[in-house]
């Protein structure tokens, strides 16, 4: 979960810097790519079920 949040923050930071500085438009594109990759990662992880059940002893 912390990896998911870290990648969201990185994508937002790259997007803001890429939008604010017009000559660094490629950072906005990289931020969008990181955001999409993070959402795909989260969808695959949460679709599998998340937690594994433990057998009580």
N, C-alpha and C. Protein backbone atom coordinates (compact mmCIF):
# COMPACT_ATOMS: atom_id res chain seq x y z
N UNK A 1 0.82 -1.19 0.00
CA UNK A 1 0.00 0.00 0.00
C UNK A 1 0.86 1.25 0.00
N UNK A 2 1.99 1.20 0.68
CA UNK A 2 2.85 2.38 0.72
C UNK A 2 3.48 2.63 -0.65
N UNK A 3 3.76 1.57 -1.40
CA UNK A 3 4.29 1.74 -2.76
C UNK A 3 3.26 2.45 -3.64
N UNK A 4 2.01 2.07 -3.50
CA UNK A 4 0.92 2.70 -4.26
C UNK A 4 0.86 4.20 -3.96
N UNK A 5 0.89 4.56 -2.69
CA UNK A 5 0.81 5.97 -2.31
C UNK A 5 2.04 6.74 -2.74
N UNK A 6 3.20 6.12 -2.65
CA UNK A 6 4.44 6.78 -3.09
C UNK A 6 4.38 7.08 -4.58
N UNK A 7 3.92 6.12 -5.37
CA UNK A 7 3.84 6.34 -6.82
C UNK A 7 2.80 7.39 -7.18
N UNK A 8 1.71 7.46 -6.42
CA UNK A 8 0.73 8.52 -6.64
C UNK A 8 1.35 9.89 -6.38
N UNK A 9 2.11 10.01 -5.29
CA UNK A 9 2.76 11.28 -4.97
C UNK A 9 3.79 11.67 -6.02
N UNK A 10 4.56 10.70 -6.49
CA UNK A 10 5.56 10.97 -7.53
C UNK A 10 4.87 11.42 -8.81
N UNK A 11 3.79 10.76 -9.18
CA UNK A 11 3.07 11.14 -10.40
C UNK A 11 2.50 12.55 -10.28
N UNK A 12 1.96 12.89 -9.11
CA UNK A 12 1.42 14.23 -8.91
C UNK A 12 2.52 15.28 -8.96
N UNK A 13 3.65 15.01 -8.33
CA UNK A 13 4.76 15.98 -8.34
C UNK A 13 5.29 16.19 -9.75
N UNK A 14 5.48 15.10 -10.50
CA UNK A 14 5.96 15.24 -11.87
C UNK A 14 4.95 15.98 -12.74
N UNK A 15 3.68 15.70 -12.53
CA UNK A 15 2.64 16.38 -13.31
C UNK A 15 2.60 17.87 -13.02
N UNK A 16 2.72 18.25 -11.75
CA UNK A 16 2.69 19.67 -11.39
C UNK A 16 3.91 20.39 -11.94
N UNK A 17 5.08 19.81 -11.80
CA UNK A 17 6.29 20.45 -12.32
C UNK A 17 6.24 20.52 -13.85
N UNK A 18 5.78 19.44 -14.47
CA UNK A 18 5.69 19.44 -15.93
C UNK A 18 4.68 20.44 -16.46
N UNK A 19 3.61 20.68 -15.72
CA UNK A 19 2.61 21.66 -16.15
C UNK A 19 3.08 23.08 -15.87
N UNK A 20 3.74 23.29 -14.75
CA UNK A 20 4.16 24.64 -14.36
C UNK A 20 5.31 25.16 -15.22
N UNK A 21 6.24 24.30 -15.55
CA UNK A 21 7.40 24.70 -16.35
C UNK A 21 7.15 24.21 -17.78
N UNK A 22 6.86 25.12 -18.66
CA UNK A 22 6.43 24.75 -20.01
C UNK A 22 7.51 24.03 -20.81
N UNK A 23 8.75 24.27 -20.53
CA UNK A 23 9.81 23.60 -21.28
C UNK A 23 10.04 22.18 -20.79
N UNK A 24 9.42 21.80 -19.66
CA UNK A 24 9.57 20.44 -19.13
C UNK A 24 8.27 19.65 -19.30
N UNK A 25 7.66 19.77 -20.49
CA UNK A 25 6.40 19.09 -20.77
C UNK A 25 6.55 17.58 -20.67
N UNK A 26 7.76 17.06 -20.94
CA UNK A 26 7.97 15.62 -20.87
C UNK A 26 7.77 15.10 -19.44
N UNK A 27 7.97 15.92 -18.42
CA UNK A 27 7.72 15.48 -17.05
C UNK A 27 6.23 15.25 -16.81
N UNK A 28 5.39 16.04 -17.43
CA UNK A 28 3.96 15.82 -17.34
C UNK A 28 3.59 14.48 -17.97
N UNK A 29 4.18 14.17 -19.09
CA UNK A 29 3.92 12.89 -19.76
C UNK A 29 4.41 11.73 -18.90
N UNK A 30 5.58 11.85 -18.31
CA UNK A 30 6.12 10.81 -17.43
C UNK A 30 5.22 10.64 -16.21
N UNK A 31 4.72 11.74 -15.66
CA UNK A 31 3.82 11.67 -14.52
C UNK A 31 2.53 10.93 -14.86
N UNK A 32 1.99 11.17 -16.03
CA UNK A 32 0.78 10.48 -16.46
C UNK A 32 1.06 8.99 -16.64
N UNK A 33 2.20 8.65 -17.22
CA UNK A 33 2.56 7.24 -17.42
C UNK A 33 2.73 6.54 -16.06
N UNK A 34 3.37 7.19 -15.12
CA UNK A 34 3.54 6.61 -13.78
C UNK A 34 2.18 6.43 -13.11
N UNK A 35 1.29 7.40 -13.25
CA UNK A 35 -0.05 7.29 -12.67
C UNK A 35 -0.82 6.12 -13.26
N UNK A 36 -0.78 5.97 -14.57
CA UNK A 36 -1.49 4.85 -15.22
C UNK A 36 -0.89 3.52 -14.78
N UNK A 37 0.43 3.43 -14.73
CA UNK A 37 1.08 2.19 -14.29
C UNK A 37 0.71 1.87 -12.85
N UNK A 38 0.62 2.88 -12.01
CA UNK A 38 0.25 2.68 -10.61
C UNK A 38 -1.19 2.20 -10.48
N UNK A 39 -2.09 2.75 -11.27
CA UNK A 39 -3.48 2.31 -11.22
C UNK A 39 -3.64 0.87 -11.72
N UNK A 40 -2.87 0.50 -12.73
CA UNK A 40 -2.90 -0.89 -13.21
C UNK A 40 -2.36 -1.82 -12.14
N UNK A 41 -1.28 -1.42 -11.49
CA UNK A 41 -0.71 -2.22 -10.40
C UNK A 41 -1.71 -2.41 -9.27
N UNK A 42 -2.40 -1.34 -8.91
CA UNK A 42 -3.39 -1.42 -7.83
C UNK A 42 -4.57 -2.30 -8.23
N UNK A 43 -5.00 -2.18 -9.47
CA UNK A 43 -6.13 -3.00 -9.93
C UNK A 43 -5.77 -4.49 -9.92
N UNK A 44 -4.57 -4.82 -10.35
CA UNK A 44 -4.15 -6.22 -10.35
C UNK A 44 -3.98 -6.75 -8.94
N UNK A 45 -3.44 -5.93 -8.06
CA UNK A 45 -3.22 -6.37 -6.69
C UNK A 45 -4.53 -6.56 -5.92
N UNK A 46 -5.44 -5.61 -6.05
CA UNK A 46 -6.69 -5.69 -5.31
C UNK A 46 -7.66 -6.70 -5.91
N UNK A 47 -7.52 -6.99 -7.20
CA UNK A 47 -8.40 -7.96 -7.84
C UNK A 47 -8.09 -9.38 -7.38
N UNK A 48 -6.83 -9.64 -7.05
CA UNK A 48 -6.43 -10.97 -6.59
C UNK A 48 -6.95 -11.29 -5.20
N UNK A 49 -7.39 -10.33 -4.46
CA UNK A 49 -7.96 -10.61 -3.15
C UNK A 49 -7.26 -9.91 -2.01
N UNK A 50 -6.06 -9.43 -2.21
CA UNK A 50 -5.39 -8.69 -1.14
C UNK A 50 -4.79 -9.58 -0.08
N UNK A 51 -5.52 -9.82 1.00
CA UNK A 51 -4.98 -10.58 2.13
C UNK A 51 -5.05 -12.07 1.89
N UNK A 52 -4.08 -12.76 2.45
CA UNK A 52 -4.10 -14.22 2.43
C UNK A 52 -4.61 -14.70 3.77
N UNK A 53 -5.45 -15.69 3.74
CA UNK A 53 -6.03 -16.20 4.97
C UNK A 53 -5.05 -17.14 5.67
N UNK A 54 -4.94 -16.97 6.96
CA UNK A 54 -4.07 -17.84 7.75
C UNK A 54 -4.88 -18.95 8.39
N UNK A 55 -4.23 -20.06 8.58
CA UNK A 55 -4.88 -21.17 9.25
C UNK A 55 -4.62 -21.03 10.75
N UNK A 56 -5.68 -21.01 11.54
CA UNK A 56 -5.56 -20.85 12.98
C UNK A 56 -5.04 -22.16 13.60
N UNK A 57 -4.13 -22.04 14.52
CA UNK A 57 -3.58 -23.24 15.18
C UNK A 57 -4.15 -23.40 16.54
